[in-house]
Amino acid sequence: MRTTRSLLAVAGAAAALAVATSSPASADGAVLTAGGTAVAVGDVLNASLASGTTATLYSSATGTSGVSCTSSTFTATVTDNPAAPGTATESLTGHSFDSSSCTSNVTGVLGVSSITVDNLPYTTTVASDGTVTVVPAAGSTIQTTVKLRTLLGTITCVYQAPSLSGTASNTDNSIAFTSQHFTKTSGSSLCFANGYFTAKYAPVTDTSQAGSPVVSVN
């Protein structure tokens, strides 16, 4: 009986320890964590293109004709980060492309003058399953303005999309978009009629925390 009571005591102590050690994890068990803690509302997240990758806006989902950039970044502010499983919300306040890193292989186009993401901020949601959705403000649209240099001067191509869908991965703390469809709403005949946006940003970091730890989705 003494042995049985001793085993029960050990089991009880182990259970109590498990409860004690799980409490802090529960406190930090938010959808977005960085450095082992929940990402706070108001924290600023940042990411550039994953090393060795490019951001592209091609004229078809499977083609290679269009615009390609090797330097791009985004900045977002966390507006809600509930307990996991759930859906975190961010305000995408900045999304830029370094035009000096951009090229175009469209016939008649000599180079890229600028790429501007319009109508910011956008609302971005990140779900526990890794689903990322980007939507504009009510009554607005996701819009990108591309200015291209041609033999006849600079032309302006405007592309719009109702929303974007991406995927977050903890393997490399990335957010990726694949062949997201934009439609040309204005521009010359040199502007391709459809744009398909592909890019991978990694690692996503929480620049509001010391050391800018990488962000994980839970």
N, C-alpha and C. Protein backbone atom coordinates (compact mmCIF):
# COMPACT_ATOMS: atom_id res chain seq x y z
N MET A 1 0.82 -1.20 0.00
CA MET A 1 0.00 0.00 0.00
C MET A 1 0.85 1.25 0.00
N ARG A 2 1.98 1.17 0.77
CA ARG A 2 2.86 2.34 0.82
C ARG A 2 3.41 2.63 -0.57
N THR A 3 3.77 1.54 -1.31
CA THR A 3 4.29 1.72 -2.66
C THR A 3 3.24 2.35 -3.56
N THR A 4 1.99 1.86 -3.43
CA THR A 4 0.92 2.40 -4.25
C THR A 4 0.69 3.87 -3.97
N ARG A 5 0.70 4.23 -2.65
CA ARG A 5 0.52 5.64 -2.29
C ARG A 5 1.67 6.48 -2.83
N SER A 6 2.88 5.93 -2.82
CA SER A 6 4.04 6.68 -3.33
C SER A 6 3.91 6.93 -4.82
N LEU A 7 3.45 5.90 -5.57
CA LEU A 7 3.27 6.07 -7.00
C LEU A 7 2.18 7.08 -7.30
N LEU A 8 1.10 7.03 -6.51
CA LEU A 8 0.03 8.00 -6.70
C LEU A 8 0.50 9.42 -6.40
N ALA A 9 1.34 9.54 -5.39
CA ALA A 9 1.88 10.86 -5.04
C ALA A 9 2.74 11.41 -6.16
N VAL A 10 3.58 10.52 -6.73
CA VAL A 10 4.44 10.94 -7.85
C VAL A 10 3.59 11.36 -9.05
N ALA A 11 2.57 10.54 -9.34
CA ALA A 11 1.69 10.86 -10.47
C ALA A 11 0.98 12.18 -10.25
N GLY A 12 0.53 12.40 -8.99
CA GLY A 12 -0.15 13.65 -8.68
C GLY A 12 0.77 14.84 -8.82
N ALA A 13 2.00 14.67 -8.37
CA ALA A 13 2.98 15.77 -8.48
C ALA A 13 3.29 16.06 -9.94
N ALA A 14 3.41 14.99 -10.75
CA ALA A 14 3.68 15.17 -12.17
C ALA A 14 2.54 15.90 -12.85
N ALA A 15 1.30 15.54 -12.49
CA ALA A 15 0.14 16.21 -13.08
C ALA A 15 0.11 17.68 -12.70
N ALA A 16 0.41 17.96 -11.44
CA ALA A 16 0.43 19.34 -10.98
C ALA A 16 1.49 20.14 -11.71
N LEU A 17 2.66 19.50 -11.93
CA LEU A 17 3.74 20.17 -12.64
C LEU A 17 3.34 20.45 -14.08
N ALA A 18 2.65 19.47 -14.69
CA ALA A 18 2.21 19.65 -16.07
C ALA A 18 1.25 20.82 -16.19
N VAL A 19 0.33 20.94 -15.21
CA VAL A 19 -0.61 22.07 -15.23
C VAL A 19 0.14 23.37 -15.04
N ALA A 20 1.10 23.36 -14.13
CA ALA A 20 1.85 24.59 -13.86
C ALA A 20 2.65 25.04 -15.06
N THR A 21 3.27 24.08 -15.76
CA THR A 21 4.10 24.47 -16.89
C THR A 21 3.29 24.77 -18.14
N SER A 22 2.03 24.27 -18.19
CA SER A 22 1.22 24.54 -19.38
C SER A 22 0.55 25.90 -19.31
N SER A 23 0.42 26.46 -18.14
CA SER A 23 -0.27 27.74 -18.00
C SER A 23 0.41 28.86 -18.76
N PRO A 24 1.75 29.03 -18.64
CA PRO A 24 2.38 30.09 -19.41
C PRO A 24 2.22 29.89 -20.90
N ALA A 25 2.29 28.61 -21.37
CA ALA A 25 2.13 28.34 -22.79
C ALA A 25 0.74 28.76 -23.25
N SER A 26 -0.27 28.51 -22.41
CA SER A 26 -1.63 28.90 -22.75
C SER A 26 -1.73 30.41 -22.85
N ALA A 27 -1.03 31.11 -21.96
CA ALA A 27 -1.07 32.56 -21.98
C ALA A 27 -0.49 33.10 -23.28
N ASP A 28 0.53 32.37 -23.82
CA ASP A 28 1.17 32.82 -25.04
C ASP A 28 0.71 32.02 -26.25
N GLY A 29 -0.37 31.22 -26.09
CA GLY A 29 -0.83 30.38 -27.18
C GLY A 29 -1.69 31.12 -28.17
N ALA A 30 -1.18 32.23 -28.66
CA ALA A 30 -1.92 33.05 -29.63
C ALA A 30 -1.66 32.54 -31.04
N VAL A 31 -2.42 33.04 -31.98
CA VAL A 31 -2.24 32.66 -33.38
C VAL A 31 -0.86 33.05 -33.86
N LEU A 32 -0.42 34.25 -33.50
CA LEU A 32 0.91 34.73 -33.90
C LEU A 32 1.81 34.80 -32.68
N THR A 33 2.95 34.14 -32.74
CA THR A 33 3.94 34.23 -31.67
C THR A 33 5.30 34.58 -32.26
N ALA A 34 6.13 35.20 -31.44
CA ALA A 34 7.49 35.55 -31.86
C ALA A 34 8.39 35.50 -30.64
N GLY A 35 9.48 34.80 -30.74
CA GLY A 35 10.38 34.68 -29.60
C GLY A 35 9.75 33.96 -28.43
N GLY A 36 8.77 33.10 -28.70
CA GLY A 36 8.13 32.33 -27.65
C GLY A 36 6.99 33.04 -26.94
N THR A 37 6.67 34.25 -27.36
CA THR A 37 5.58 34.99 -26.72
C THR A 37 4.58 35.44 -27.77
N ALA A 38 3.37 35.74 -27.30
CA ALA A 38 2.33 36.22 -28.22
C ALA A 38 2.73 37.58 -28.80
N VAL A 39 2.49 37.74 -30.09
CA VAL A 39 2.71 39.03 -30.73
C VAL A 39 1.65 40.00 -30.22
N ALA A 40 2.08 41.14 -29.73
CA ALA A 40 1.14 42.10 -29.13
C ALA A 40 0.42 42.91 -30.20
N VAL A 41 -0.82 43.28 -29.88
CA VAL A 41 -1.54 44.19 -30.75
C VAL A 41 -0.75 45.50 -30.83
N GLY A 42 -0.55 45.99 -32.03
CA GLY A 42 0.25 47.18 -32.24
C GLY A 42 1.66 46.89 -32.70
N ASP A 43 2.11 45.63 -32.57
CA ASP A 43 3.45 45.28 -33.04
C ASP A 43 3.52 45.39 -34.55
N VAL A 44 4.69 45.76 -35.04
CA VAL A 44 4.91 45.92 -36.47
C VAL A 44 5.67 44.71 -37.02
N LEU A 45 5.10 44.09 -38.04
CA LEU A 45 5.73 42.94 -38.70
C LEU A 45 6.33 43.39 -40.03
N ASN A 46 7.44 42.78 -40.37
CA ASN A 46 8.15 43.19 -41.58
C ASN A 46 8.77 41.97 -42.25
N ALA A 47 8.85 42.00 -43.58
CA ALA A 47 9.52 40.94 -44.32
C ALA A 47 9.93 41.43 -45.69
N SER A 48 11.04 40.89 -46.18
CA SER A 48 11.49 41.13 -47.54
C SER A 48 11.37 39.82 -48.32
N LEU A 49 11.63 39.88 -49.60
CA LEU A 49 11.56 38.66 -50.41
C LEU A 49 12.51 37.61 -49.85
N ALA A 50 12.07 36.36 -49.87
CA ALA A 50 12.92 35.27 -49.43
C ALA A 50 14.19 35.25 -50.26
N SER A 51 15.29 34.93 -49.62
CA SER A 51 16.58 34.95 -50.29
C SER A 51 16.57 34.11 -51.57
N GLY A 52 17.05 34.71 -52.65
CA GLY A 52 17.15 34.00 -53.92
C GLY A 52 15.88 33.93 -54.73
N THR A 53 14.81 34.63 -54.28
CA THR A 53 13.54 34.60 -55.00
C THR A 53 13.23 35.95 -55.63
N THR A 54 12.23 35.97 -56.48
CA THR A 54 11.79 37.20 -57.12
C THR A 54 10.29 37.36 -56.96
N ALA A 55 9.83 38.60 -57.04
CA ALA A 55 8.40 38.89 -57.12
C ALA A 55 8.09 39.14 -58.58
N THR A 56 7.06 38.47 -59.08
CA THR A 56 6.75 38.59 -60.50
C THR A 56 5.30 38.97 -60.73
N LEU A 57 5.09 39.73 -61.79
CA LEU A 57 3.75 40.02 -62.29
C LEU A 57 3.76 39.63 -63.76
N TYR A 58 3.30 38.42 -64.03
CA TYR A 58 3.35 37.87 -65.38
C TYR A 58 1.99 37.98 -66.06
N SER A 59 2.02 37.92 -67.39
CA SER A 59 0.80 38.10 -68.17
C SER A 59 -0.11 36.87 -68.17
N SER A 60 0.40 35.75 -67.69
CA SER A 60 -0.42 34.55 -67.58
C SER A 60 0.04 33.75 -66.36
N ALA A 61 -0.82 32.86 -65.90
CA ALA A 61 -0.52 32.10 -64.69
C ALA A 61 0.64 31.14 -64.87
N THR A 62 0.87 30.70 -66.12
CA THR A 62 1.93 29.73 -66.38
C THR A 62 3.06 30.29 -67.24
N GLY A 63 2.95 31.56 -67.63
CA GLY A 63 3.96 32.15 -68.51
C GLY A 63 5.10 32.80 -67.75
N THR A 64 6.03 33.39 -68.50
CA THR A 64 7.18 34.06 -67.91
C THR A 64 7.39 35.45 -68.52
N SER A 65 6.35 35.99 -69.13
CA SER A 65 6.43 37.32 -69.74
C SER A 65 5.77 38.33 -68.82
N GLY A 66 6.51 39.40 -68.50
CA GLY A 66 5.96 40.43 -67.63
C GLY A 66 7.05 41.18 -66.91
N VAL A 67 6.84 41.38 -65.61
CA VAL A 67 7.76 42.17 -64.78
C VAL A 67 8.27 41.29 -63.64
N SER A 68 9.56 41.44 -63.34
CA SER A 68 10.18 40.67 -62.27
C SER A 68 11.04 41.59 -61.42
N CYS A 69 10.95 41.44 -60.08
CA CYS A 69 11.73 42.27 -59.15
C CYS A 69 12.44 41.38 -58.13
N THR A 70 13.66 41.76 -57.78
CA THR A 70 14.42 40.99 -56.79
C THR A 70 14.41 41.64 -55.42
N SER A 71 13.78 42.82 -55.30
CA SER A 71 13.73 43.51 -54.01
C SER A 71 12.33 44.05 -53.75
N SER A 72 11.71 43.56 -52.66
CA SER A 72 10.38 44.00 -52.28
C SER A 72 10.20 43.75 -50.80
N THR A 73 9.44 44.60 -50.12
CA THR A 73 9.20 44.44 -48.69
C THR A 73 7.75 44.77 -48.36
N PHE A 74 7.29 44.24 -47.22
CA PHE A 74 5.98 44.65 -46.72
C PHE A 74 6.07 44.94 -45.23
N THR A 75 5.17 45.80 -44.77
CA THR A 75 5.08 46.16 -43.36
C THR A 75 3.62 46.10 -42.95
N ALA A 76 3.35 45.45 -41.80
CA ALA A 76 1.98 45.32 -41.32
C ALA A 76 1.94 45.52 -39.82
N THR A 77 0.85 46.08 -39.33
CA THR A 77 0.63 46.27 -37.89
C THR A 77 -0.44 45.31 -37.41
N VAL A 78 -0.15 44.58 -36.34
CA VAL A 78 -1.11 43.61 -35.81
C VAL A 78 -2.25 44.35 -35.11
N THR A 79 -3.48 44.04 -35.49
CA THR A 79 -4.65 44.68 -34.89
C THR A 79 -5.46 43.73 -34.00
N ASP A 80 -5.25 42.42 -34.17
CA ASP A 80 -5.93 41.44 -33.31
C ASP A 80 -5.15 40.14 -33.37
N ASN A 81 -4.93 39.53 -32.21
CA ASN A 81 -4.18 38.28 -32.15
C ASN A 81 -4.78 37.37 -31.08
N PRO A 82 -5.87 36.69 -31.43
CA PRO A 82 -6.59 35.87 -30.44
C PRO A 82 -5.86 34.57 -30.13
N ALA A 83 -6.42 33.83 -29.20
CA ALA A 83 -5.86 32.52 -28.86
C ALA A 83 -6.03 31.57 -30.03
N ALA A 84 -5.05 30.69 -30.19
CA ALA A 84 -5.12 29.67 -31.24
C ALA A 84 -5.95 28.48 -30.76
N PRO A 85 -6.65 27.82 -31.66
CA PRO A 85 -6.77 28.16 -33.08
C PRO A 85 -7.71 29.34 -33.29
N GLY A 86 -7.40 30.11 -34.30
CA GLY A 86 -8.19 31.31 -34.56
C GLY A 86 -7.64 32.04 -35.76
N THR A 87 -7.98 33.31 -35.86
CA THR A 87 -7.54 34.13 -36.99
C THR A 87 -7.04 35.47 -36.49
N ALA A 88 -5.79 35.78 -36.77
CA ALA A 88 -5.21 37.07 -36.42
C ALA A 88 -5.48 38.07 -37.54
N THR A 89 -5.49 39.34 -37.18
CA THR A 89 -5.76 40.40 -38.15
C THR A 89 -4.63 41.42 -38.13
N GLU A 90 -4.25 41.87 -39.32
CA GLU A 90 -3.20 42.88 -39.46
C GLU A 90 -3.66 43.97 -40.41
N SER A 91 -3.04 45.12 -40.28
CA SER A 91 -3.25 46.21 -41.22
C SER A 91 -1.99 46.34 -42.07
N LEU A 92 -2.11 46.00 -43.35
CA LEU A 92 -0.97 46.10 -44.26
C LEU A 92 -0.78 47.56 -44.64
N THR A 93 0.22 48.19 -44.03
CA THR A 93 0.42 49.64 -44.21
C THR A 93 1.46 49.98 -45.27
N GLY A 94 2.29 49.02 -45.64
CA GLY A 94 3.32 49.30 -46.62
C GLY A 94 3.66 48.07 -47.45
N HIS A 95 3.78 48.26 -48.75
CA HIS A 95 4.18 47.18 -49.65
C HIS A 95 4.91 47.83 -50.82
N SER A 96 6.22 47.65 -50.86
CA SER A 96 7.02 48.39 -51.84
C SER A 96 7.88 47.47 -52.70
N PHE A 97 8.24 48.00 -53.87
CA PHE A 97 9.11 47.31 -54.80
C PHE A 97 10.21 48.28 -55.22
N ASP A 98 11.45 47.84 -55.14
CA ASP A 98 12.58 48.68 -55.56
C ASP A 98 12.68 48.61 -57.08
N SER A 99 12.30 49.70 -57.74
CA SER A 99 12.25 49.69 -59.21
C SER A 99 13.61 49.41 -59.83
N SER A 100 14.69 49.74 -59.11
CA SER A 100 16.03 49.49 -59.66
C SER A 100 16.33 48.00 -59.74
N SER A 101 15.53 47.19 -59.03
CA SER A 101 15.73 45.74 -59.06
C SER A 101 14.76 45.06 -60.02
N CYS A 102 13.95 45.86 -60.71
CA CYS A 102 12.89 45.30 -61.56
C CYS A 102 13.28 45.34 -63.03
N THR A 103 12.89 44.30 -63.74
CA THR A 103 13.12 44.22 -65.18
C THR A 103 11.83 43.76 -65.86
N SER A 104 11.77 43.96 -67.16
CA SER A 104 10.62 43.52 -67.94
C SER A 104 11.10 42.91 -69.25
N ASN A 105 10.47 41.81 -69.64
CA ASN A 105 10.80 41.18 -70.92
C ASN A 105 9.65 41.29 -71.91
N VAL A 106 8.75 42.26 -71.66
CA VAL A 106 7.64 42.50 -72.58
C VAL A 106 8.15 43.21 -73.82
N THR A 107 7.78 42.74 -74.98
CA THR A 107 8.22 43.34 -76.23
C THR A 107 7.84 44.82 -76.29
N GLY A 108 8.81 45.67 -76.59
CA GLY A 108 8.57 47.11 -76.68
C GLY A 108 8.83 47.85 -75.39
N VAL A 109 9.07 47.12 -74.28
CA VAL A 109 9.34 47.74 -72.99
C VAL A 109 10.85 47.74 -72.72
N LEU A 110 11.37 48.92 -72.36
CA LEU A 110 12.81 49.06 -72.12
C LEU A 110 13.19 48.87 -70.66
N GLY A 111 12.25 49.13 -69.76
CA GLY A 111 12.57 49.01 -68.34
C GLY A 111 11.38 49.38 -67.47
N VAL A 112 11.58 49.27 -66.17
CA VAL A 112 10.52 49.56 -65.19
C VAL A 112 10.86 50.84 -64.43
N SER A 113 9.98 51.83 -64.50
CA SER A 113 10.20 53.09 -63.80
C SER A 113 9.76 53.01 -62.34
N SER A 114 8.63 52.38 -62.10
CA SER A 114 8.15 52.25 -60.72
C SER A 114 7.01 51.25 -60.64
N ILE A 115 6.85 50.69 -59.43
CA ILE A 115 5.69 49.85 -59.11
C ILE A 115 5.16 50.36 -57.78
N THR A 116 3.92 50.79 -57.77
CA THR A 116 3.33 51.37 -56.57
C THR A 116 2.07 50.61 -56.17
N VAL A 117 2.01 50.25 -54.90
CA VAL A 117 0.80 49.60 -54.37
C VAL A 117 -0.10 50.70 -53.82
N ASP A 118 -1.29 50.82 -54.39
CA ASP A 118 -2.21 51.91 -54.07
C ASP A 118 -3.26 51.47 -53.04
N ASN A 119 -4.00 52.46 -52.57
CA ASN A 119 -5.18 52.25 -51.70
C ASN A 119 -4.88 51.58 -50.37
N LEU A 120 -3.64 51.65 -49.92
CA LEU A 120 -3.31 51.13 -48.59
C LEU A 120 -3.97 52.00 -47.52
N PRO A 121 -4.24 51.43 -46.32
CA PRO A 121 -3.89 50.07 -45.89
C PRO A 121 -4.91 49.04 -46.34
N TYR A 122 -4.45 47.78 -46.40
CA TYR A 122 -5.32 46.64 -46.64
C TYR A 122 -5.44 45.85 -45.34
N THR A 123 -6.53 45.14 -45.21
CA THR A 123 -6.71 44.26 -44.05
C THR A 123 -6.21 42.85 -44.42
N THR A 124 -5.35 42.32 -43.56
CA THR A 124 -4.80 40.99 -43.79
C THR A 124 -5.18 40.08 -42.63
N THR A 125 -5.70 38.91 -42.94
CA THR A 125 -6.01 37.93 -41.90
C THR A 125 -5.10 36.72 -42.07
N VAL A 126 -4.67 36.18 -40.93
CA VAL A 126 -3.82 34.98 -40.92
C VAL A 126 -4.47 33.96 -40.00
N ALA A 127 -4.90 32.83 -40.56
CA ALA A 127 -5.58 31.80 -39.79
C ALA A 127 -4.58 30.77 -39.28
N SER A 128 -4.99 30.03 -38.27
CA SER A 128 -4.12 29.02 -37.68
C SER A 128 -3.69 27.96 -38.67
N ASP A 129 -4.51 27.71 -39.70
CA ASP A 129 -4.14 26.71 -40.70
C ASP A 129 -3.19 27.26 -41.76
N GLY A 130 -2.76 28.53 -41.60
CA GLY A 130 -1.80 29.12 -42.53
C GLY A 130 -2.42 29.90 -43.66
N THR A 131 -3.75 29.96 -43.72
CA THR A 131 -4.42 30.70 -44.79
C THR A 131 -4.27 32.20 -44.57
N VAL A 132 -3.80 32.89 -45.59
CA VAL A 132 -3.63 34.35 -45.54
C VAL A 132 -4.57 34.99 -46.56
N THR A 133 -5.32 36.00 -46.13
CA THR A 133 -6.23 36.70 -47.03
C THR A 133 -6.01 38.20 -46.90
N VAL A 134 -5.90 38.86 -48.04
CA VAL A 134 -5.69 40.31 -48.07
C VAL A 134 -6.89 40.94 -48.77
N VAL A 135 -7.54 41.90 -48.10
CA VAL A 135 -8.70 42.57 -48.69
C VAL A 135 -8.55 44.08 -48.52
N PRO A 136 -9.12 44.86 -49.43
CA PRO A 136 -9.06 46.31 -49.32
C PRO A 136 -10.14 46.83 -48.38
N ALA A 137 -10.10 48.12 -48.12
CA ALA A 137 -11.15 48.75 -47.32
C ALA A 137 -12.47 48.69 -48.08
N ALA A 138 -13.57 48.78 -47.36
CA ALA A 138 -14.89 48.74 -47.99
C ALA A 138 -15.00 49.82 -49.06
N GLY A 139 -15.49 49.44 -50.22
CA GLY A 139 -15.65 50.39 -51.31
C GLY A 139 -14.39 50.65 -52.11
N SER A 140 -13.27 49.98 -51.74
CA SER A 140 -12.01 50.17 -52.42
C SER A 140 -11.61 48.88 -53.13
N THR A 141 -10.40 48.85 -53.66
CA THR A 141 -9.91 47.67 -54.35
C THR A 141 -8.40 47.57 -54.16
N ILE A 142 -7.88 46.37 -54.25
CA ILE A 142 -6.42 46.21 -54.27
C ILE A 142 -5.93 46.67 -55.62
N GLN A 143 -4.96 47.57 -55.62
CA GLN A 143 -4.52 48.16 -56.88
C GLN A 143 -3.01 48.36 -56.91
N THR A 144 -2.44 48.06 -58.07
CA THR A 144 -1.01 48.25 -58.30
C THR A 144 -0.82 49.04 -59.59
N THR A 145 -0.01 50.07 -59.52
CA THR A 145 0.29 50.89 -60.69
C THR A 145 1.73 50.64 -61.14
N VAL A 146 1.86 50.21 -62.37
CA VAL A 146 3.19 49.89 -62.93
C VAL A 146 3.51 50.89 -64.03
N LYS A 147 4.65 51.57 -63.91
CA LYS A 147 5.09 52.50 -64.95
C LYS A 147 6.27 51.89 -65.69
N LEU A 148 6.12 51.79 -67.01
CA LEU A 148 7.12 51.14 -67.85
C LEU A 148 7.71 52.13 -68.84
N ARG A 149 9.01 52.00 -69.08
CA ARG A 149 9.69 52.84 -70.07
C ARG A 149 9.64 52.15 -71.43
N THR A 150 9.22 52.91 -72.43
CA THR A 150 9.16 52.37 -73.79
C THR A 150 9.83 53.35 -74.75
N LEU A 151 9.96 52.94 -75.99
CA LEU A 151 10.55 53.82 -77.00
C LEU A 151 9.71 55.08 -77.21
N LEU A 152 8.44 54.99 -76.87
CA LEU A 152 7.53 56.13 -77.05
C LEU A 152 7.33 56.92 -75.77
N GLY A 153 8.11 56.60 -74.74
CA GLY A 153 7.99 57.28 -73.46
C GLY A 153 7.46 56.35 -72.38
N THR A 154 7.13 56.92 -71.23
CA THR A 154 6.66 56.12 -70.09
C THR A 154 5.16 55.87 -70.20
N ILE A 155 4.77 54.63 -70.02
CA ILE A 155 3.35 54.29 -70.01
C ILE A 155 2.96 53.84 -68.59
N THR A 156 1.70 54.04 -68.25
CA THR A 156 1.20 53.67 -66.93
C THR A 156 0.16 52.57 -67.06
N CYS A 157 0.38 51.48 -66.34
CA CYS A 157 -0.52 50.33 -66.37
C CYS A 157 -1.11 50.16 -64.96
N VAL A 158 -2.42 50.13 -64.86
CA VAL A 158 -3.08 49.98 -63.57
C VAL A 158 -3.78 48.62 -63.51
N TYR A 159 -3.49 47.88 -62.44
CA TYR A 159 -4.05 46.54 -62.26
C TYR A 159 -4.81 46.48 -60.94
N GLN A 160 -5.94 45.77 -60.94
CA GLN A 160 -6.76 45.67 -59.73
C GLN A 160 -7.16 44.22 -59.46
N ALA A 161 -7.39 43.94 -58.17
CA ALA A 161 -7.87 42.62 -57.75
C ALA A 161 -8.79 42.83 -56.56
N PRO A 162 -9.84 42.01 -56.42
CA PRO A 162 -10.76 42.17 -55.29
C PRO A 162 -10.14 41.71 -53.98
N SER A 163 -9.22 40.75 -54.04
CA SER A 163 -8.57 40.22 -52.84
C SER A 163 -7.38 39.38 -53.27
N LEU A 164 -6.55 39.01 -52.29
CA LEU A 164 -5.41 38.13 -52.54
C LEU A 164 -5.44 37.01 -51.52
N SER A 165 -4.99 35.84 -51.94
CA SER A 165 -4.90 34.69 -51.04
C SER A 165 -3.47 34.18 -51.02
N GLY A 166 -2.97 33.87 -49.82
CA GLY A 166 -1.62 33.37 -49.68
C GLY A 166 -1.55 32.29 -48.63
N THR A 167 -0.31 31.87 -48.34
CA THR A 167 -0.09 30.81 -47.37
C THR A 167 1.08 31.17 -46.46
N ALA A 168 0.88 31.02 -45.16
CA ALA A 168 1.95 31.23 -44.18
C ALA A 168 2.53 29.88 -43.80
N SER A 169 3.86 29.81 -43.69
CA SER A 169 4.52 28.55 -43.34
C SER A 169 5.52 28.79 -42.22
N ASN A 170 5.51 27.89 -41.23
CA ASN A 170 6.48 27.97 -40.14
C ASN A 170 7.82 27.33 -40.50
N THR A 171 7.88 26.66 -41.63
CA THR A 171 9.13 26.03 -42.06
C THR A 171 10.22 27.07 -42.24
N ASP A 172 9.86 28.19 -42.88
CA ASP A 172 10.81 29.28 -43.06
C ASP A 172 10.21 30.62 -42.64
N ASN A 173 9.12 30.57 -41.84
CA ASN A 173 8.45 31.78 -41.35
C ASN A 173 8.11 32.72 -42.50
N SER A 174 7.46 32.16 -43.49
CA SER A 174 7.19 32.90 -44.72
C SER A 174 5.71 33.14 -44.96
N ILE A 175 5.45 34.07 -45.87
CA ILE A 175 4.13 34.26 -46.46
C ILE A 175 4.33 34.25 -47.96
N ALA A 176 3.59 33.40 -48.66
CA ALA A 176 3.76 33.25 -50.10
C ALA A 176 2.45 33.47 -50.84
N PHE A 177 2.57 34.10 -52.01
CA PHE A 177 1.44 34.31 -52.91
C PHE A 177 1.80 33.68 -54.25
N THR A 178 0.85 32.96 -54.84
CA THR A 178 1.12 32.27 -56.09
C THR A 178 0.05 32.60 -57.13
N SER A 179 0.49 33.21 -58.23
CA SER A 179 -0.38 33.49 -59.38
C SER A 179 -1.70 34.16 -58.99
N GLN A 180 -1.60 35.20 -58.18
CA GLN A 180 -2.80 35.94 -57.78
C GLN A 180 -3.21 36.87 -58.92
N HIS A 181 -4.46 36.74 -59.36
CA HIS A 181 -4.92 37.37 -60.59
C HIS A 181 -5.31 38.84 -60.41
N PHE A 182 -4.69 39.69 -61.24
CA PHE A 182 -5.05 41.09 -61.36
C PHE A 182 -5.56 41.34 -62.77
N THR A 183 -6.48 42.28 -62.91
CA THR A 183 -7.00 42.66 -64.22
C THR A 183 -6.59 44.09 -64.53
N LYS A 184 -6.13 44.32 -65.75
CA LYS A 184 -5.78 45.68 -66.16
C LYS A 184 -7.04 46.53 -66.27
N THR A 185 -7.00 47.69 -65.60
CA THR A 185 -8.15 48.59 -65.67
C THR A 185 -7.85 49.83 -66.50
N SER A 186 -6.57 50.12 -66.74
CA SER A 186 -6.21 51.21 -67.64
C SER A 186 -4.77 51.03 -68.09
N GLY A 187 -4.46 51.61 -69.24
CA GLY A 187 -3.10 51.52 -69.78
C GLY A 187 -3.11 51.24 -71.27
N SER A 188 -1.96 51.42 -71.90
CA SER A 188 -1.84 51.23 -73.34
C SER A 188 -1.85 49.76 -73.70
N SER A 189 -1.78 49.50 -75.00
CA SER A 189 -1.78 48.12 -75.49
C SER A 189 -0.52 47.37 -75.09
N LEU A 190 0.52 48.09 -74.68
CA LEU A 190 1.74 47.44 -74.22
C LEU A 190 1.57 46.87 -72.81
N CYS A 191 0.54 47.34 -72.12
CA CYS A 191 0.24 46.78 -70.79
C CYS A 191 -0.52 45.48 -70.98
N PHE A 192 0.01 44.38 -70.46
CA PHE A 192 -0.67 43.10 -70.63
C PHE A 192 -2.02 43.14 -69.93
N ALA A 193 -3.00 42.44 -70.50
CA ALA A 193 -4.40 42.54 -70.05
C ALA A 193 -4.62 41.97 -68.66
N ASN A 194 -3.84 40.96 -68.29
CA ASN A 194 -3.96 40.33 -66.99
C ASN A 194 -2.59 40.24 -66.33
N GLY A 195 -2.58 40.37 -65.01
CA GLY A 195 -1.33 40.22 -64.26
C GLY A 195 -1.49 39.14 -63.21
N TYR A 196 -0.49 38.26 -63.11
CA TYR A 196 -0.53 37.19 -62.12
C TYR A 196 0.67 37.37 -61.18
N PHE A 197 0.35 37.70 -59.93
CA PHE A 197 1.38 38.07 -58.95
C PHE A 197 1.84 36.85 -58.15
N THR A 198 3.17 36.67 -58.11
CA THR A 198 3.77 35.59 -57.32
C THR A 198 4.93 36.15 -56.52
N ALA A 199 4.98 35.85 -55.23
CA ALA A 199 6.09 36.32 -54.39
C ALA A 199 6.10 35.52 -53.09
N LYS A 200 7.31 35.40 -52.52
CA LYS A 200 7.46 34.74 -51.22
C LYS A 200 8.29 35.65 -50.32
N TYR A 201 7.71 36.02 -49.17
CA TYR A 201 8.38 36.90 -48.22
C TYR A 201 8.80 36.09 -46.99
N ALA A 202 10.10 36.18 -46.66
CA ALA A 202 10.61 35.41 -45.52
C ALA A 202 11.99 35.92 -45.10
N PRO A 203 12.28 35.87 -43.79
CA PRO A 203 11.33 35.53 -42.73
C PRO A 203 10.50 36.75 -42.32
N VAL A 204 9.30 36.50 -41.85
CA VAL A 204 8.48 37.56 -41.27
C VAL A 204 8.96 37.76 -39.84
N THR A 205 9.28 39.00 -39.48
CA THR A 205 9.80 39.28 -38.14
C THR A 205 8.96 40.31 -37.42
N ASP A 206 9.01 40.27 -36.09
CA ASP A 206 8.32 41.24 -35.25
C ASP A 206 9.34 42.30 -34.86
N THR A 207 9.33 43.42 -35.58
CA THR A 207 10.34 44.46 -35.34
C THR A 207 10.07 45.24 -34.06
N SER A 208 8.93 45.02 -33.43
CA SER A 208 8.62 45.72 -32.18
C SER A 208 9.22 45.01 -30.97
N GLN A 209 9.66 43.78 -31.13
CA GLN A 209 10.30 43.04 -30.06
C GLN A 209 11.81 43.12 -30.19
N ALA A 210 12.52 43.09 -29.08
CA ALA A 210 13.97 43.15 -29.08
C ALA A 210 14.53 41.99 -29.90
N GLY A 211 15.45 42.33 -30.80
CA GLY A 211 16.06 41.32 -31.64
C GLY A 211 15.25 40.92 -32.85
N SER A 212 14.07 41.50 -33.02
CA SER A 212 13.18 41.20 -34.16
C SER A 212 13.04 39.70 -34.42
N PRO A 213 12.46 38.96 -33.45
CA PRO A 213 12.33 37.50 -33.64
C PRO A 213 11.37 37.17 -34.77
N VAL A 214 11.55 35.96 -35.33
CA VAL A 214 10.68 35.53 -36.43
C VAL A 214 9.29 35.20 -35.89
N VAL A 215 8.31 35.33 -36.75
CA VAL A 215 6.91 35.12 -36.38
C VAL A 215 6.45 33.74 -36.83
N SER A 216 5.77 33.05 -35.91
CA SER A 216 5.20 31.73 -36.22
C SER A 216 3.68 31.81 -36.13
N VAL A 217 3.02 30.93 -36.87
CA VAL A 217 1.56 30.86 -36.87
C VAL A 217 1.15 29.58 -36.16
N ASN A 218 0.23 29.71 -35.20
CA ASN A 218 -0.17 28.56 -34.38
C ASN A 218 -1.66 28.26 -34.53
